[in-house]
PDB file of N, CA and C in Angstrom:
ATOM      1  N   MET A   1       1.209  10.435 -13.760  1.00  0.00           N
ATOM      2  CA  MET A   1       0.963   8.564 -13.079  1.00  0.00           C
ATOM      3  C   MET A   1       1.579   7.931 -14.602  1.00  0.00           C
ATOM      4  N   GLN A   2       2.482   6.737 -14.207  1.00  0.00           N
ATOM      5  CA  GLN A   2       3.332   5.720 -15.157  1.00  0.00           C
ATOM      6  C   GLN A   2       2.469   4.451 -15.267  1.00  0.00           C
ATOM      7  N   GLN A   3       2.433   4.026 -16.467  1.00  0.00           N
ATOM      8  CA  GLN A   3       1.412   2.846 -16.423  1.00  0.00           C
ATOM      9  C   GLN A   3       2.770   1.652 -17.503  1.00  0.00           C
ATOM     10  N   VAL A   4       2.782   0.737 -17.331  1.00  0.00           N
ATOM     11  CA  VAL A   4       3.543  -0.231 -17.806  1.00  0.00           C
ATOM     12  C   VAL A   4       2.706  -1.536 -17.942  1.00  0.00           C
ATOM     13  N   LEU A   5       2.773  -2.628 -18.743  1.00  0.00           N
ATOM     14  CA  LEU A   5       2.310  -3.916 -18.816  1.00  0.00           C
ATOM     15  C   LEU A   5       3.294  -4.646 -17.782  1.00  0.00           C
ATOM     16  N   ILE A   6       2.958  -5.803 -17.005  1.00  0.00           N
ATOM     17  CA  ILE A   6       3.762  -6.629 -16.051  1.00  0.00           C
ATOM     18  C   ILE A   6       3.511  -7.898 -16.533  1.00  0.00           C
ATOM     19  N   LYS A   7       4.210  -8.925 -16.884  1.00  0.00           N
ATOM     20  CA  LYS A   7       4.059 -10.554 -16.841  1.00  0.00           C
ATOM     21  C   LYS A   7       4.702 -11.047 -16.120  1.00  0.00           C
ATOM     22  N   PHE A   8       4.442 -12.135 -15.236  1.00  0.00           N
ATOM     23  CA  PHE A   8       4.993 -12.973 -14.244  1.00  0.00           C
ATOM     24  C   PHE A   8       5.100 -14.101 -15.023  1.00  0.00           C
ATOM     25  N   ASP A   9       6.620 -15.137 -14.579  1.00  0.00           N
ATOM     26  CA  ASP A   9       6.527 -16.418 -15.289  1.00  0.00           C
ATOM     27  C   ASP A   9       6.219 -17.550 -14.210  1.00  0.00           C
ATOM     28  N   ASP A  10       6.730 -16.790 -12.650  1.00  0.00           N
ATOM     29  CA  ASP A  10       6.309 -18.145 -11.574  1.00  0.00           C
ATOM     30  C   ASP A  10       6.263 -17.013 -10.468  1.00  0.00           C
ATOM     31  N   ALA A  11       6.022 -18.112  -9.370  1.00  0.00           N
ATOM     32  CA  ALA A  11       5.608 -17.532  -8.116  1.00  0.00           C
ATOM     33  C   ALA A  11       6.853 -16.751  -7.490  1.00  0.00           C
ATOM     34  N   ASP A  12       8.044 -17.134  -7.715  1.00  0.00           N
ATOM     35  CA  ASP A  12       9.399 -16.368  -7.311  1.00  0.00           C
ATOM     36  C   ASP A  12       9.060 -14.679  -7.951  1.00  0.00           C
ATOM     37  N   GLN A  13       8.975 -14.766  -9.379  1.00  0.00           N
ATOM     38  CA  GLN A  13       8.659 -13.516  -9.722  1.00  0.00           C
ATOM     39  C   GLN A  13       7.879 -12.527  -9.107  1.00  0.00           C
ATOM     40  N   VAL A  14       6.775 -13.144  -8.679  1.00  0.00           N
ATOM     41  CA  VAL A  14       5.533 -12.155  -7.963  1.00  0.00           C
ATOM     42  C   VAL A  14       6.354 -11.800  -6.937  1.00  0.00           C
ATOM     43  N   ARG A  15       6.714 -12.911  -5.843  1.00  0.00           N
ATOM     44  CA  ARG A  15       7.281 -12.192  -4.605  1.00  0.00           C
ATOM     45  C   ARG A  15       8.336 -11.199  -5.040  1.00  0.00           C
ATOM     46  N   ASP A  16       9.441 -11.483  -5.605  1.00  0.00           N
ATOM     47  CA  ASP A  16      10.424 -10.162  -6.004  1.00  0.00           C
ATOM     48  C   ASP A  16       9.875  -9.498  -6.362  1.00  0.00           C
ATOM     49  N   PHE A  17       8.635  -9.129  -7.137  1.00  0.00           N
ATOM     50  CA  PHE A  17       7.991  -7.976  -7.637  1.00  0.00           C
ATOM     51  C   PHE A  17       7.579  -6.869  -6.761  1.00  0.00           C
ATOM     52  N   VAL A  18       6.619  -7.958  -5.801  1.00  0.00           N
ATOM     53  CA  VAL A  18       5.928  -7.455  -4.338  1.00  0.00           C
ATOM     54  C   VAL A  18       7.471  -6.623  -3.530  1.00  0.00           C
ATOM     55  N   ASN A  19       8.129  -7.661  -3.131  1.00  0.00           N
ATOM     56  CA  ASN A  19       9.284  -7.012  -2.458  1.00  0.00           C
ATOM     57  C   ASN A  19       9.753  -5.573  -3.169  1.00  0.00           C
ATOM     58  N   GLU A  20       9.770  -5.398  -4.519  1.00  0.00           N
ATOM     59  CA  GLU A  20      10.577  -4.251  -4.928  1.00  0.00           C
ATOM     60  C   GLU A  20       9.504  -3.062  -4.829  1.00  0.00           C
ATOM     61  N   VAL A  21       8.379  -3.266  -5.443  1.00  0.00           N
ATOM     62  CA  VAL A  21       7.405  -2.187  -5.194  1.00  0.00           C
ATOM     63  C   VAL A  21       7.163  -1.590  -3.604  1.00  0.00           C
ATOM     64  N   ASN A  22       7.257  -2.483  -2.614  1.00  0.00           N
ATOM     65  CA  ASN A  22       7.006  -2.471  -1.269  1.00  0.00           C
ATOM     66  C   ASN A  22       8.329  -1.447  -0.588  1.00  0.00           C
ATOM     67  N   LYS A  23       9.502  -1.416  -1.423  1.00  0.00           N
ATOM     68  CA  LYS A  23      10.560  -0.427  -1.076  1.00  0.00           C
ATOM     69  C   LYS A  23      10.239   1.032  -1.698  1.00  0.00           C
ATOM     70  N   VAL A  24       9.411   0.897  -2.525  1.00  0.00           N
ATOM     71  CA  VAL A  24       8.903   2.884  -3.023  1.00  0.00           C
ATOM     72  C   VAL A  24       8.011   3.258  -2.156  1.00  0.00           C
ATOM     73  N   GLU A  25       8.067   4.313  -1.966  1.00  0.00           N
ATOM     74  CA  GLU A  25       7.332   5.486  -1.256  1.00  0.00           C
ATOM     75  C   GLU A  25       5.902   5.931  -2.547  1.00  0.00           C
ATOM     76  N   ALA A  26       5.345   5.117  -3.177  1.00  0.00           N
ATOM     77  CA  ALA A  26       4.278   5.569  -3.878  1.00  0.00           C
ATOM     78  C   ALA A  26       3.511   4.041  -4.181  1.00  0.00           C
ATOM     79  N   ASN A  27       2.021   5.048  -4.637  1.00  0.00           N
ATOM     80  CA  ASN A  27       1.071   3.735  -4.686  1.00  0.00           C
ATOM     81  C   ASN A  27       1.051   3.390  -6.131  1.00  0.00           C
ATOM     82  N   PHE A  28       0.786   1.907  -5.869  1.00  0.00           N
ATOM     83  CA  PHE A  28       0.945   0.827  -7.115  1.00  0.00           C
ATOM     84  C   PHE A  28      -0.712   0.162  -7.627  1.00  0.00           C
ATOM     85  N   GLU A  29      -1.386   0.027  -8.372  1.00  0.00           N
ATOM     86  CA  GLU A  29      -2.265  -0.924  -8.573  1.00  0.00           C
ATOM     87  C   GLU A  29      -1.940  -2.018  -9.818  1.00  0.00           C
ATOM     88  N   LEU A  30      -2.230  -2.777  -9.667  1.00  0.00           N
ATOM     89  CA  LEU A  30      -2.143  -3.788 -10.660  1.00  0.00           C
ATOM     90  C   LEU A  30      -3.399  -4.772 -11.049  1.00  0.00           C
ATOM     91  N   GLY A  31      -3.762  -4.987 -12.393  1.00  0.00           N
ATOM     92  CA  GLY A  31      -4.614  -5.554 -12.528  1.00  0.00           C
ATOM     93  C   GLY A  31      -5.462  -5.476 -14.034  1.00  0.00           C
ATOM     94  N   SER A  32      -6.403  -5.886 -14.448  1.00  0.00           N
ATOM     95  CA  SER A  32      -6.820  -5.965 -15.848  1.00  0.00           C
ATOM     96  C   SER A  32      -8.350  -5.878 -15.507  1.00  0.00           C
ATOM     97  N   GLY A  33      -9.228  -4.972 -16.618  1.00  0.00           N
ATOM     98  CA  GLY A  33     -10.568  -4.997 -16.301  1.00  0.00           C
ATOM     99  C   GLY A  33     -10.989  -4.338 -15.099  1.00  0.00           C
ATOM    100  N   ASN A  34     -12.006  -4.915 -14.627  1.00  0.00           N
ATOM    101  CA  ASN A  34     -12.391  -4.827 -13.270  1.00  0.00           C
ATOM    102  C   ASN A  34     -11.711  -5.211 -12.187  1.00  0.00           C
ATOM    103  N   ARG A  35     -11.133  -6.086 -12.219  1.00  0.00           N
ATOM    104  CA  ARG A  35     -10.085  -6.629 -11.116  1.00  0.00           C
ATOM    105  C   ARG A  35      -8.867  -5.852 -10.791  1.00  0.00           C
ATOM    106  N   ILE A  36      -8.838  -5.021 -10.192  1.00  0.00           N
ATOM    107  CA  ILE A  36      -7.580  -3.828  -9.846  1.00  0.00           C
ATOM    108  C   ILE A  36      -7.090  -4.388  -8.019  1.00  0.00           C
ATOM    109  N   VAL A  37      -5.851  -4.417  -8.070  1.00  0.00           N
ATOM    110  CA  VAL A  37      -5.433  -4.688  -6.509  1.00  0.00           C
ATOM    111  C   VAL A  37      -4.216  -3.869  -6.245  1.00  0.00           C
ATOM    112  N   ASP A  38      -3.894  -3.731  -4.758  1.00  0.00           N
ATOM    113  CA  ASP A  38      -2.790  -2.979  -4.529  1.00  0.00           C
ATOM    114  C   ASP A  38      -1.491  -3.744  -5.089  1.00  0.00           C
ATOM    115  N   ALA A  39      -0.820  -3.600  -5.448  1.00  0.00           N
ATOM    116  CA  ALA A  39       0.470  -4.423  -6.247  1.00  0.00           C
ATOM    117  C   ALA A  39       1.412  -4.448  -4.920  1.00  0.00           C
ATOM    118  N   LYS A  40       1.625  -3.958  -4.056  1.00  0.00           N
ATOM    119  CA  LYS A  40       2.071  -4.241  -2.810  1.00  0.00           C
ATOM    120  C   LYS A  40       1.918  -5.008  -1.919  1.00  0.00           C
ATOM    121  N   SER A  41       0.394  -6.145  -2.245  1.00  0.00           N
ATOM    122  CA  SER A  41      -0.210  -6.888  -1.115  1.00  0.00           C
ATOM    123  C   SER A  41       0.192  -8.052  -2.360  1.00  0.00           C
ATOM    124  N   ILE A  42       1.146  -9.206  -1.966  1.00  0.00           N
ATOM    125  CA  ILE A  42       1.107 -10.482  -2.415  1.00  0.00           C
ATOM    126  C   ILE A  42       0.062 -11.125  -2.444  1.00  0.00           C
ATOM    127  N   LEU A  43      -0.911 -11.387  -1.657  1.00  0.00           N
ATOM    128  CA  LEU A  43      -2.205 -11.986  -2.035  1.00  0.00           C
ATOM    129  C   LEU A  43      -2.827 -11.759  -2.792  1.00  0.00           C
ATOM    130  N   GLY A  44      -3.412 -10.068  -3.025  1.00  0.00           N
ATOM    131  CA  GLY A  44      -3.763  -9.566  -3.974  1.00  0.00           C
ATOM    132  C   GLY A  44      -3.445  -9.735  -5.487  1.00  0.00           C
ATOM    133  N   VAL A  45      -1.960  -9.962  -5.524  1.00  0.00           N
ATOM    134  CA  VAL A  45      -1.597 -10.140  -6.816  1.00  0.00           C
ATOM    135  C   VAL A  45      -1.896 -11.394  -7.104  1.00  0.00           C
ATOM    136  N   PHE A  46      -1.755 -12.636  -6.562  1.00  0.00           N
ATOM    137  CA  PHE A  46      -2.064 -14.073  -6.638  1.00  0.00           C
ATOM    138  C   PHE A  46      -3.633 -13.971  -6.961  1.00  0.00           C
ATOM    139  N   ALA A  47      -4.414 -13.160  -6.530  1.00  0.00           N
ATOM    140  CA  ALA A  47      -5.520 -13.104  -6.567  1.00  0.00           C
ATOM    141  C   ALA A  47      -5.991 -13.140  -8.101  1.00  0.00           C
ATOM    142  N   LEU A  48      -4.870 -12.372  -8.865  1.00  0.00           N
ATOM    143  CA  LEU A  48      -5.233 -11.938 -10.487  1.00  0.00           C
ATOM    144  C   LEU A  48      -4.871 -13.165 -11.629  1.00  0.00           C
ATOM    145  N   ASP A  49      -5.424 -13.116 -12.828  1.00  0.00           N
ATOM    146  CA  ASP A  49      -4.989 -14.021 -13.536  1.00  0.00           C
ATOM    147  C   ASP A  49      -3.733 -13.720 -13.871  1.00  0.00           C
ATOM    148  N   LEU A  50      -2.691 -14.586 -13.635  1.00  0.00           N
ATOM    149  CA  LEU A  50      -1.140 -14.332 -13.960  1.00  0.00           C
ATOM    150  C   LEU A  50      -0.795 -14.980 -15.452  1.00  0.00           C
ATOM    151  N   THR A  51      -1.699 -15.534 -16.052  1.00  0.00           N
ATOM    152  CA  THR A  51      -1.333 -15.956 -17.081  1.00  0.00           C
ATOM    153  C   THR A  51      -1.312 -14.758 -18.390  1.00  0.00           C
ATOM    154  N   GLN A  52      -1.922 -14.098 -18.221  1.00  0.00           N
ATOM    155  CA  GLN A  52      -2.191 -12.860 -18.902  1.00  0.00           C
ATOM    156  C   GLN A  52      -1.194 -11.557 -18.336  1.00  0.00           C
ATOM    157  N   PRO A  53      -0.797 -10.738 -19.351  1.00  0.00           N
ATOM    158  CA  PRO A  53      -0.002  -9.379 -18.488  1.00  0.00           C
ATOM    159  C   PRO A  53      -1.027  -8.573 -17.885  1.00  0.00           C
ATOM    160  N   GLN A  54      -0.892  -8.202 -17.141  1.00  0.00           N
ATOM    161  CA  GLN A  54      -1.701  -6.856 -16.230  1.00  0.00           C
ATOM    162  C   GLN A  54      -0.828  -5.286 -16.334  1.00  0.00           C
ATOM    163  N   ARG A  55      -1.994  -5.010 -16.159  1.00  0.00           N
ATOM    164  CA  ARG A  55      -1.589  -3.100 -16.047  1.00  0.00           C
ATOM    165  C   ARG A  55      -1.189  -2.603 -14.827  1.00  0.00           C
ATOM    166  N   LEU A  56       0.184  -2.002 -14.712  1.00  0.00           N
ATOM    167  CA  LEU A  56       0.248  -1.237 -13.490  1.00  0.00           C
ATOM    168  C   LEU A  56       0.455   0.144 -13.543  1.00  0.00           C
ATOM    169  N   LYS A  57      -0.244   0.550 -12.488  1.00  0.00           N
ATOM    170  CA  LYS A  57      -0.163   1.905 -12.291  1.00  0.00           C
ATOM    171  C   LYS A  57       0.507   2.322 -11.642  1.00  0.00           C
ATOM    172  N   CYS A  58       1.331   3.513 -11.402  1.00  0.00           N
ATOM    173  CA  CYS A  58       1.930   4.258 -10.180  1.00  0.00           C
ATOM    174  C   CYS A  58       2.011   5.435 -10.284  1.00  0.00           C
ATOM    175  N   ASP A  59       2.087   6.110  -9.235  1.00  0.00           N
ATOM    176  CA  ASP A  59       1.554   7.336  -8.896  1.00  0.00           C
ATOM    177  C   ASP A  59       3.045   8.082  -8.571  1.00  0.00           C
ATOM    178  N   ALA A  60       4.001   7.499  -8.911  1.00  0.00           N
ATOM    179  CA  ALA A  60       5.339   8.238  -8.236  1.00  0.00           C
ATOM    180  C   ALA A  60       5.719   9.208  -9.492  1.00  0.00           C
ATOM    181  N   SER A  61       6.464  10.337  -9.529  1.00  0.00           N
ATOM    182  CA  SER A  61       6.602  10.892 -10.296  1.00  0.00           C
ATOM    183  C   SER A  61       8.342  10.970 -11.220  1.00  0.00           C
ATOM    184  N   ASP A  62       8.702  10.205 -10.184  1.00  0.00           N
ATOM    185  CA  ASP A  62      10.275   9.710 -10.385  1.00  0.00           C
ATOM    186  C   ASP A  62      10.198   8.560 -11.472  1.00  0.00           C
ATOM    187  N   ARG A  63      10.618   8.622 -12.546  1.00  0.00           N
ATOM    188  CA  ARG A  63      10.612   7.757 -13.986  1.00  0.00           C
ATOM    189  C   ARG A  63      11.500   6.403 -13.491  1.00  0.00           C
ATOM    190  N   ASN A  64      12.600   6.795 -12.872  1.00  0.00           N
ATOM    191  CA  ASN A  64      13.557   5.929 -12.082  1.00  0.00           C
ATOM    192  C   ASN A  64      12.899   4.468 -11.418  1.00  0.00           C
ATOM    193  N   VAL A  65      11.598   4.628 -10.768  1.00  0.00           N
ATOM    194  CA  VAL A  65      10.662   3.718 -10.497  1.00  0.00           C
ATOM    195  C   VAL A  65      10.577   2.466 -11.408  1.00  0.00           C
ATOM    196  N   ILE A  66      10.183   2.758 -12.488  1.00  0.00           N
ATOM    197  CA  ILE A  66       9.976   1.725 -13.681  1.00  0.00           C
ATOM    198  C   ILE A  66      11.109   0.832 -13.529  1.00  0.00           C
ATOM    199  N   ASP A  67      12.435   1.959 -13.597  1.00  0.00           N
ATOM    200  CA  ASP A  67      13.744   1.082 -13.844  1.00  0.00           C
ATOM    201  C   ASP A  67      13.910  -0.050 -12.691  1.00  0.00           C
ATOM    202  N   LYS A  68      13.329   0.024 -11.725  1.00  0.00           N
ATOM    203  CA  LYS A  68      13.643  -0.925 -10.704  1.00  0.00           C
ATOM    204  C   LYS A  68      12.971  -2.046 -10.733  1.00  0.00           C
ATOM    205  N   ILE A  69      11.754  -2.308 -11.595  1.00  0.00           N
ATOM    206  CA  ILE A  69      11.033  -3.377 -12.070  1.00  0.00           C
ATOM    207  C   ILE A  69      11.056  -3.683 -13.256  1.00  0.00           C
ATOM    208  N   THR A  70      11.929  -3.506 -14.220  1.00  0.00           N
ATOM    209  CA  THR A  70      12.382  -3.722 -15.298  1.00  0.00           C
ATOM    210  C   THR A  70      12.378  -5.210 -15.862  1.00  0.00           C
ATOM    211  N   ALA A  71      12.607  -6.031 -14.786  1.00  0.00           N
ATOM    212  CA  ALA A  71      12.804  -7.363 -15.118  1.00  0.00           C
ATOM    213  C   ALA A  71      11.287  -8.217 -15.187  1.00  0.00           C
ATOM    214  N   PHE A  72      10.287  -7.668 -15.159  1.00  0.00           N
ATOM    215  CA  PHE A  72       9.009  -8.029 -14.900  1.00  0.00           C
ATOM    216  C   PHE A  72       8.161  -7.299 -15.984  1.00  0.00           C
ATOM    217  N   LEU A  73       8.750  -6.321 -16.784  1.00  0.00           N
ATOM    218  CA  LEU A  73       7.732  -5.679 -17.788  1.00  0.00           C
ATOM    219  C   LEU A  73       7.565  -6.691 -19.052  1.00  0.00           C
ATOM    220  N   TYR A  74       6.139  -6.454 -19.424  1.00  0.00           N
ATOM    221  CA  TYR A  74       5.991  -7.196 -20.561  1.00  0.00           C
ATOM    222  C   TYR A  74       6.275  -6.572 -21.730  1.00  0.00           C
ATOM    223  N   GLU A  75       5.522  -5.113 -21.793  1.00  0.00           N
ATOM    224  CA  GLU A  75       6.147  -4.249 -22.880  1.00  0.00           C
ATOM    225  C   GLU A  75       6.293  -2.795 -21.965  1.00  0.00           C
ATOM    226  N   ARG A  76       7.502  -2.110 -22.461  1.00  0.00           N
ATOM    227  CA  ARG A  76       7.794  -1.018 -21.729  1.00  0.00           C
ATOM    228  C   ARG A  76       6.723   0.254 -22.877  1.00  0.00           C
ATOM    229  N   LYS A  77       5.628   0.395 -21.873  1.00  0.00           N
ATOM    230  CA  LYS A  77       4.751   1.481 -22.551  1.00  0.00           C
ATOM    231  C   LYS A  77       4.804   2.504 -21.395  1.00  0.00           C
ATOM    232  N   LEU A  78       5.212   3.262 -21.332  1.00  0.00           N
ATOM    233  CA  LEU A  78       4.814   4.565 -20.320  1.00  0.00           C
ATOM    234  C   LEU A  78       3.896   5.538 -20.898  1.00  0.00           C
ATOM    235  N   CYS A  79       2.772   5.697 -20.212  1.00  0.00           N
ATOM    236  CA  CYS A  79       2.127   7.210 -20.490  1.00  0.00           C
ATOM    237  C   CYS A  79       2.217   7.951 -19.316  1.00  0.00           C
ATOM    238  N   CYS A  80       2.188   9.179 -19.588  1.00  0.00           N
ATOM    239  CA  CYS A  80       1.724  10.312 -18.322  1.00  0.00           C
ATOM    240  C   CYS A  80       0.401  10.900 -18.676  1.00  0.00           C
ATOM    241  N   GLU A  81      -0.131  10.938 -17.752  1.00  0.00           N
ATOM    242  CA  GLU A  81      -1.594  11.665 -17.781  1.00  0.00           C
ATOM    243  C   GLU A  81      -1.533  12.775 -17.011  1.00  0.00           C
TER     244      GLU A  81
END
């Protein structure tokens, strides 16, 4: 599992992010604390507190997945579990 922190500056970035993760055959979870949503759901992402960085978890084994969302990274902290 890969994890990174994501931060959005505006609604257009949220839309672009959701479009990018929808192109990937993997599960994505986005959120912080007890509030976790499907990152492929634009409504779910907008339900989060987007003023704060959110943790993105991805179950893809391909490290190139993170390269596709580099524009949205807050800090590049990859962790493998």
